[in-house]
Amino acid sequence: MMDLKIYILRGRKLIRGPYTLDTIKHKTLTYNDLVWYQGLPDWTRVEQVEEVKHLAIEENARTENRILKKVKSILG
């Protein structure tokens, strides 16, 4: 299962990929993102895919993470 090549679709925009399960841990997935890998019949919401749903966060938390990263980059 660790050799899955996972693609992420967010708001009809393909996020670069493919990712492995190990590298996807460093991405910010939300329950509304869509993922696909060989073996899935179609793009599927993250919350419906056992292999990745535990890595997802709520949309509000994703926004907070983005703001915190921006503030850290400004403050150094």
PDB file of N, CA and C in Angstrom:
ATOM      1  N   MET A   1       0.824  -1.207   0.000  1.00  0.00           N
ATOM      2  CA  MET A   1       0.000   0.000   0.000  1.00  0.00           C
ATOM      3  C   MET A   1       0.862   1.263   0.000  1.00  0.00           C
ATOM      4  N   MET A   2       2.093   1.182   0.494  1.00  0.00           N
ATOM      5  CA  MET A   2       2.951   2.357   0.591  1.00  0.00           C
ATOM      6  C   MET A   2       3.411   2.872  -0.771  1.00  0.00           C
ATOM      7  N   ASP A   3       3.273   2.070  -1.832  1.00  0.00           N
ATOM      8  CA  ASP A   3       3.746   2.508  -3.138  1.00  0.00           C
ATOM      9  C   ASP A   3       2.637   3.122  -3.985  1.00  0.00           C
ATOM     10  N   LEU A   4       1.500   3.468  -3.379  1.00  0.00           N
ATOM     11  CA  LEU A   4       0.431   4.137  -4.109  1.00  0.00           C
ATOM     12  C   LEU A   4       0.928   5.457  -4.674  1.00  0.00           C
ATOM     13  N   LYS A   5       0.502   5.776  -5.879  1.00  0.00           N
ATOM     14  CA  LYS A   5       0.792   7.081  -6.484  1.00  0.00           C
ATOM     15  C   LYS A   5      -0.520   7.848  -6.486  1.00  0.00           C
ATOM     16  N   ILE A   6      -0.641   8.784  -5.540  1.00  0.00           N
ATOM     17  CA  ILE A   6      -1.896   9.456  -5.270  1.00  0.00           C
ATOM     18  C   ILE A   6      -1.896  10.852  -5.892  1.00  0.00           C
ATOM     19  N   TYR A   7      -2.974  11.177  -6.586  1.00  0.00           N
ATOM     20  CA  TYR A   7      -3.168  12.509  -7.158  1.00  0.00           C
ATOM     21  C   TYR A   7      -4.241  13.219  -6.347  1.00  0.00           C
ATOM     22  N   ILE A   8      -4.107  14.542  -6.218  1.00  0.00           N
ATOM     23  CA  ILE A   8      -5.038  15.339  -5.427  1.00  0.00           C
ATOM     24  C   ILE A   8      -5.702  16.371  -6.336  1.00  0.00           C
ATOM     25  N   LEU A   9      -7.004  16.507  -6.213  1.00  0.00           N
ATOM     26  CA  LEU A   9      -7.772  17.506  -6.951  1.00  0.00           C
ATOM     27  C   LEU A   9      -8.453  18.397  -5.923  1.00  0.00           C
ATOM     28  N   ARG A  10      -8.198  19.692  -6.014  1.00  0.00           N
ATOM     29  CA  ARG A  10      -8.792  20.652  -5.086  1.00  0.00           C
ATOM     30  C   ARG A  10      -9.482  21.730  -5.903  1.00  0.00           C
ATOM     31  N   GLY A  11     -10.793  21.812  -5.763  1.00  0.00           N
ATOM     32  CA  GLY A  11     -11.550  22.829  -6.482  1.00  0.00           C
ATOM     33  C   GLY A  11     -11.307  22.796  -7.983  1.00  0.00           C
ATOM     34  N   ARG A  12     -11.345  21.617  -8.562  1.00  0.00           N
ATOM     35  CA  ARG A  12     -11.137  21.397 -10.001  1.00  0.00           C
ATOM     36  C   ARG A  12      -9.726  21.703 -10.468  1.00  0.00           C
ATOM     37  N   LYS A  13      -8.804  21.882  -9.547  1.00  0.00           N
ATOM     38  CA  LYS A  13      -7.412  22.155  -9.897  1.00  0.00           C
ATOM     39  C   LYS A  13      -6.557  20.988  -9.415  1.00  0.00           C
ATOM     40  N   LEU A  14      -5.788  20.415 -10.334  1.00  0.00           N
ATOM     41  CA  LEU A  14      -4.909  19.312  -9.975  1.00  0.00           C
ATOM     42  C   LEU A  14      -3.717  19.858  -9.206  1.00  0.00           C
ATOM     43  N   ILE A  15      -3.537  19.350  -7.998  1.00  0.00           N
ATOM     44  CA  ILE A  15      -2.363  19.680  -7.211  1.00  0.00           C
ATOM     45  C   ILE A  15      -1.269  18.730  -7.694  1.00  0.00           C
ATOM     46  N   ARG A  16      -0.065  19.219  -7.815  1.00  0.00           N
ATOM     47  CA  ARG A  16       1.000  18.376  -8.368  1.00  0.00           C
ATOM     48  C   ARG A  16       1.046  17.011  -7.719  1.00  0.00           C
ATOM     49  N   GLY A  17       1.445  16.062  -8.471  1.00  0.00           N
ATOM     50  CA  GLY A  17       1.514  14.697  -7.992  1.00  0.00           C
ATOM     51  C   GLY A  17       2.178  13.860  -9.056  1.00  0.00           C
ATOM     52  N   PRO A  18       2.259  12.628  -8.902  1.00  0.00           N
ATOM     53  CA  PRO A  18       1.653  11.850  -7.823  1.00  0.00           C
ATOM     54  C   PRO A  18       2.464  11.925  -6.537  1.00  0.00           C
ATOM     55  N   TYR A  19       1.771  11.636  -5.444  1.00  0.00           N
ATOM     56  CA  TYR A  19       2.387  11.598  -4.122  1.00  0.00           C
ATOM     57  C   TYR A  19       2.308  10.188  -3.575  1.00  0.00           C
ATOM     58  N   THR A  20       3.258   9.846  -2.742  1.00  0.00           N
ATOM     59  CA  THR A  20       3.167   8.598  -1.980  1.00  0.00           C
ATOM     60  C   THR A  20       2.437   8.911  -0.681  1.00  0.00           C
ATOM     61  N   LEU A  21       2.013   7.882   0.026  1.00  0.00           N
ATOM     62  CA  LEU A  21       1.369   8.103   1.327  1.00  0.00           C
ATOM     63  C   LEU A  21       2.310   8.840   2.276  1.00  0.00           C
ATOM     64  N   ASP A  22       3.591   8.540   2.188  1.00  0.00           N
ATOM     65  CA  ASP A  22       4.564   9.194   3.055  1.00  0.00           C
ATOM     66  C   ASP A  22       4.675  10.692   2.762  1.00  0.00           C
ATOM     67  N   THR A  23       4.726  11.066   1.498  1.00  0.00           N
ATOM     68  CA  THR A  23       4.851  12.496   1.166  1.00  0.00           C
ATOM     69  C   THR A  23       3.530  13.242   1.311  1.00  0.00           C
ATOM     70  N   ILE A  24       2.422  12.529   1.183  1.00  0.00           N
ATOM     71  CA  ILE A  24       1.121  13.194   1.293  1.00  0.00           C
ATOM     72  C   ILE A  24       0.856  13.649   2.727  1.00  0.00           C
ATOM     73  N   LYS A  25       1.568  13.060   3.679  1.00  0.00           N
ATOM     74  CA  LYS A  25       1.431  13.466   5.085  1.00  0.00           C
ATOM     75  C   LYS A  25       1.831  14.917   5.286  1.00  0.00           C
ATOM     76  N   HIS A  26       2.678  15.435   4.398  1.00  0.00           N
ATOM     77  CA  HIS A  26       3.155  16.807   4.514  1.00  0.00           C
ATOM     78  C   HIS A  26       2.314  17.792   3.719  1.00  0.00           C
ATOM     79  N   LYS A  27       1.275  17.301   3.075  1.00  0.00           N
ATOM     80  CA  LYS A  27       0.340  18.148   2.346  1.00  0.00           C
ATOM     81  C   LYS A  27      -0.848  18.424   3.254  1.00  0.00           C
ATOM     82  N   THR A  28      -1.550  19.482   2.981  1.00  0.00           N
ATOM     83  CA  THR A  28      -2.731  19.803   3.776  1.00  0.00           C
ATOM     84  C   THR A  28      -3.972  19.356   3.022  1.00  0.00           C
ATOM     85  N   LEU A  29      -4.462  18.192   3.346  1.00  0.00           N
ATOM     86  CA  LEU A  29      -5.672  17.666   2.733  1.00  0.00           C
ATOM     87  C   LEU A  29      -6.886  18.081   3.544  1.00  0.00           C
ATOM     88  N   THR A  30      -7.979  18.360   2.849  1.00  0.00           N
ATOM     89  CA  THR A  30      -9.246  18.581   3.541  1.00  0.00           C
ATOM     90  C   THR A  30     -10.196  17.467   3.137  1.00  0.00           C
ATOM     91  N   TYR A  31     -11.263  17.313   3.886  1.00  0.00           N
ATOM     92  CA  TYR A  31     -12.231  16.268   3.595  1.00  0.00           C
ATOM     93  C   TYR A  31     -12.888  16.470   2.232  1.00  0.00           C
ATOM     94  N   ASN A  32     -12.912  17.695   1.720  1.00  0.00           N
ATOM     95  CA  ASN A  32     -13.537  17.979   0.438  1.00  0.00           C
ATOM     96  C   ASN A  32     -12.611  17.784  -0.753  1.00  0.00           C
ATOM     97  N   ASP A  33     -11.314  17.642  -0.534  1.00  0.00           N
ATOM     98  CA  ASP A  33     -10.402  17.371  -1.640  1.00  0.00           C
ATOM     99  C   ASP A  33     -10.744  16.018  -2.251  1.00  0.00           C
ATOM    100  N   LEU A  34     -10.428  15.878  -3.528  1.00  0.00           N
ATOM    101  CA  LEU A  34     -10.635  14.609  -4.217  1.00  0.00           C
ATOM    102  C   LEU A  34      -9.281  13.955  -4.450  1.00  0.00           C
ATOM    103  N   VAL A  35      -9.234  12.644  -4.344  1.00  0.00           N
ATOM    104  CA  VAL A  35      -8.002  11.916  -4.614  1.00  0.00           C
ATOM    105  C   VAL A  35      -8.304  10.800  -5.609  1.00  0.00           C
ATOM    106  N   TRP A  36      -7.253  10.407  -6.309  1.00  0.00           N
ATOM    107  CA  TRP A  36      -7.353   9.270  -7.214  1.00  0.00           C
ATOM    108  C   TRP A  36      -6.020   8.551  -7.226  1.00  0.00           C
ATOM    109  N   TYR A  37      -6.078   7.249  -7.266  1.00  0.00           N
ATOM    110  CA  TYR A  37      -4.904   6.405  -7.500  1.00  0.00           C
ATOM    111  C   TYR A  37      -5.399   5.159  -8.207  1.00  0.00           C
ATOM    112  N   GLN A  38      -4.476   4.469  -8.848  1.00  0.00           N
ATOM    113  CA  GLN A  38      -4.851   3.267  -9.583  1.00  0.00           C
ATOM    114  C   GLN A  38      -5.538   2.295  -8.635  1.00  0.00           C
ATOM    115  N   GLY A  39      -6.715   1.878  -9.005  1.00  0.00           N
ATOM    116  CA  GLY A  39      -7.514   0.996  -8.168  1.00  0.00           C
ATOM    117  C   GLY A  39      -8.808   1.662  -7.726  1.00  0.00           C
ATOM    118  N   LEU A  40      -8.800   3.006  -7.651  1.00  0.00           N
ATOM    119  CA  LEU A  40     -10.044   3.722  -7.373  1.00  0.00           C
ATOM    120  C   LEU A  40     -10.780   3.890  -8.702  1.00  0.00           C
ATOM    121  N   PRO A  41     -12.091   3.699  -8.713  1.00  0.00           N
ATOM    122  CA  PRO A  41     -12.825   3.805  -9.974  1.00  0.00           C
ATOM    123  C   PRO A  41     -12.908   5.232 -10.514  1.00  0.00           C
ATOM    124  N   ASP A  42     -12.828   6.234  -9.641  1.00  0.00           N
ATOM    125  CA  ASP A  42     -12.965   7.628 -10.059  1.00  0.00           C
ATOM    126  C   ASP A  42     -12.393   8.520  -8.960  1.00  0.00           C
ATOM    127  N   TRP A  43     -12.341   9.829  -9.229  1.00  0.00           N
ATOM    128  CA  TRP A  43     -11.938  10.788  -8.198  1.00  0.00           C
ATOM    129  C   TRP A  43     -12.908  10.644  -7.032  1.00  0.00           C
ATOM    130  N   THR A  44     -12.369  10.589  -5.826  1.00  0.00           N
ATOM    131  CA  THR A  44     -13.167  10.299  -4.637  1.00  0.00           C
ATOM    132  C   THR A  44     -12.806  11.267  -3.529  1.00  0.00           C
ATOM    133  N   ARG A  45     -13.834  11.720  -2.794  1.00  0.00           N
ATOM    134  CA  ARG A  45     -13.581  12.618  -1.666  1.00  0.00           C
ATOM    135  C   ARG A  45     -12.680  11.947  -0.649  1.00  0.00           C
ATOM    136  N   VAL A  46     -11.752  12.726  -0.103  1.00  0.00           N
ATOM    137  CA  VAL A  46     -10.778  12.211   0.870  1.00  0.00           C
ATOM    138  C   VAL A  46     -11.477  11.495   2.017  1.00  0.00           C
ATOM    139  N   GLU A  47     -12.578  12.031   2.490  1.00  0.00           N
ATOM    140  CA  GLU A  47     -13.268  11.434   3.631  1.00  0.00           C
ATOM    141  C   GLU A  47     -13.797  10.032   3.346  1.00  0.00           C
ATOM    142  N   GLN A  48     -13.830   9.631   2.082  1.00  0.00           N
ATOM    143  CA  GLN A  48     -14.343   8.309   1.716  1.00  0.00           C
ATOM    144  C   GLN A  48     -13.237   7.300   1.407  1.00  0.00           C
ATOM    145  N   VAL A  49     -11.978   7.724   1.532  1.00  0.00           N
ATOM    146  CA  VAL A  49     -10.855   6.849   1.181  1.00  0.00           C
ATOM    147  C   VAL A  49     -10.085   6.489   2.451  1.00  0.00           C
ATOM    148  N   GLU A  50     -10.204   5.242   2.872  1.00  0.00           N
ATOM    149  CA  GLU A  50      -9.596   4.784   4.125  1.00  0.00           C
ATOM    150  C   GLU A  50      -8.108   5.128   4.228  1.00  0.00           C
ATOM    151  N   GLU A  51      -7.373   4.979   3.121  1.00  0.00           N
ATOM    152  CA  GLU A  51      -5.922   5.155   3.151  1.00  0.00           C
ATOM    153  C   GLU A  51      -5.484   6.575   3.469  1.00  0.00           C
ATOM    154  N   VAL A  52      -6.332   7.581   3.204  1.00  0.00           N
ATOM    155  CA  VAL A  52      -5.912   8.970   3.403  1.00  0.00           C
ATOM    156  C   VAL A  52      -6.818   9.804   4.308  1.00  0.00           C
ATOM    157  N   LYS A  53      -7.992   9.305   4.639  1.00  0.00           N
ATOM    158  CA  LYS A  53      -8.930  10.159   5.376  1.00  0.00           C
ATOM    159  C   LYS A  53      -8.404  10.580   6.747  1.00  0.00           C
ATOM    160  N   HIS A  54      -7.550   9.784   7.359  1.00  0.00           N
ATOM    161  CA  HIS A  54      -6.981  10.149   8.659  1.00  0.00           C
ATOM    162  C   HIS A  54      -5.993  11.320   8.546  1.00  0.00           C
ATOM    163  N   LEU A  55      -5.578  11.660   7.325  1.00  0.00           N
ATOM    164  CA  LEU A  55      -4.643  12.774   7.114  1.00  0.00           C
ATOM    165  C   LEU A  55      -5.360  14.092   6.866  1.00  0.00           C
ATOM    166  N   ALA A  56      -6.664  14.047   6.699  1.00  0.00           N
ATOM    167  CA  ALA A  56      -7.427  15.246   6.350  1.00  0.00           C
ATOM    168  C   ALA A  56      -7.750  16.096   7.576  1.00  0.00           C
ATOM    169  N   ILE A  57      -7.903  17.387   7.314  1.00  0.00           N
ATOM    170  CA  ILE A  57      -8.304  18.324   8.356  1.00  0.00           C
ATOM    171  C   ILE A  57      -9.517  19.101   7.862  1.00  0.00           C
ATOM    172  N   GLU A  58     -10.190  19.764   8.764  1.00  0.00           N
ATOM    173  CA  GLU A  58     -11.327  20.602   8.405  1.00  0.00           C
ATOM    174  C   GLU A  58     -10.838  21.786   7.580  1.00  0.00           C
ATOM    175  N   GLU A  59     -11.690  22.310   6.723  1.00  0.00           N
ATOM    176  CA  GLU A  59     -11.338  23.448   5.859  1.00  0.00           C
ATOM    177  C   GLU A  59     -10.870  24.646   6.681  1.00  0.00           C
ATOM    178  N   ASN A  60     -11.508  24.914   7.830  1.00  0.00           N
ATOM    179  CA  ASN A  60     -11.107  26.051   8.668  1.00  0.00           C
ATOM    180  C   ASN A  60      -9.680  25.894   9.179  1.00  0.00           C
ATOM    181  N   ALA A  61      -9.310  24.678   9.537  1.00  0.00           N
ATOM    182  CA  ALA A  61      -7.947  24.429  10.015  1.00  0.00           C
ATOM    183  C   ALA A  61      -6.939  24.651   8.891  1.00  0.00           C
ATOM    184  N   ARG A  62      -7.311  24.301   7.657  1.00  0.00           N
ATOM    185  CA  ARG A  62      -6.416  24.519   6.517  1.00  0.00           C
ATOM    186  C   ARG A  62      -6.172  26.007   6.325  1.00  0.00           C
ATOM    187  N   THR A  63      -7.211  26.816   6.446  1.00  0.00           N
ATOM    188  CA  THR A  63      -7.081  28.267   6.324  1.00  0.00           C
ATOM    189  C   THR A  63      -6.190  28.810   7.433  1.00  0.00           C
ATOM    190  N   GLU A  64      -6.396  28.325   8.659  1.00  0.00           N
ATOM    191  CA  GLU A  64      -5.563  28.760   9.782  1.00  0.00           C
ATOM    192  C   GLU A  64      -4.097  28.391   9.547  1.00  0.00           C
ATOM    193  N   ASN A  65      -3.838  27.192   9.055  1.00  0.00           N
ATOM    194  CA  ASN A  65      -2.464  26.775   8.757  1.00  0.00           C
ATOM    195  C   ASN A  65      -1.832  27.693   7.724  1.00  0.00           C
ATOM    196  N   ARG A  66      -2.579  28.060   6.687  1.00  0.00           N
ATOM    197  CA  ARG A  66      -2.071  28.928   5.638  1.00  0.00           C
ATOM    198  C   ARG A  66      -1.736  30.308   6.204  1.00  0.00           C
ATOM    199  N   ILE A  67      -2.579  30.830   7.074  1.00  0.00           N
ATOM    200  CA  ILE A  67      -2.343  32.137   7.689  1.00  0.00           C
ATOM    201  C   ILE A  67      -1.112  32.086   8.588  1.00  0.00           C
ATOM    202  N   LEU A  68      -0.987  31.022   9.386  1.00  0.00           N
ATOM    203  CA  LEU A  68       0.174  30.885  10.268  1.00  0.00           C
ATOM    204  C   LEU A  68       1.477  30.812   9.465  1.00  0.00           C
ATOM    205  N   LYS A  69       1.469  30.071   8.362  1.00  0.00           N
ATOM    206  CA  LYS A  69       2.663  29.990   7.515  1.00  0.00           C
ATOM    207  C   LYS A  69       3.022  31.347   6.946  1.00  0.00           C
ATOM    208  N   LYS A  70       2.014  32.111   6.534  1.00  0.00           N
ATOM    209  CA  LYS A  70       2.241  33.458   5.981  1.00  0.00           C
ATOM    210  C   LYS A  70       2.852  34.375   7.046  1.00  0.00           C
ATOM    211  N   VAL A  71       2.293  34.344   8.252  1.00  0.00           N
ATOM    212  CA  VAL A  71       2.795  35.179   9.346  1.00  0.00           C
ATOM    213  C   VAL A  71       4.243  34.790   9.670  1.00  0.00           C
ATOM    214  N   LYS A  72       4.518  33.495   9.745  1.00  0.00           N
ATOM    215  CA  LYS A  72       5.893  33.038  10.034  1.00  0.00           C
ATOM    216  C   LYS A  72       6.868  33.484   8.965  1.00  0.00           C
ATOM    217  N   SER A  73       6.439  33.468   7.703  1.00  0.00           N
ATOM    218  CA  SER A  73       7.342  33.894   6.622  1.00  0.00           C
ATOM    219  C   SER A  73       7.603  35.402   6.685  1.00  0.00           C
ATOM    220  N   ILE A  74       6.631  36.154   7.140  1.00  0.00           N
ATOM    221  CA  ILE A  74       6.793  37.610   7.257  1.00  0.00           C
ATOM    222  C   ILE A  74       7.709  37.948   8.438  1.00  0.00           C
ATOM    223  N   LEU A  75       7.476  37.258   9.543  1.00  0.00           N
ATOM    224  CA  LEU A  75       8.243  37.551  10.746  1.00  0.00           C
ATOM    225  C   LEU A  75       9.631  36.925  10.756  1.00  0.00           C
ATOM    226  N   GLY A  76       9.808  35.938   9.892  1.00  0.00           N
ATOM    227  CA  GLY A  76      11.117  35.287   9.789  1.00  0.00           C
ATOM    228  C   GLY A  76      11.271  34.271  10.803  1.00  0.00           C
TER     229      GLY A  76
END
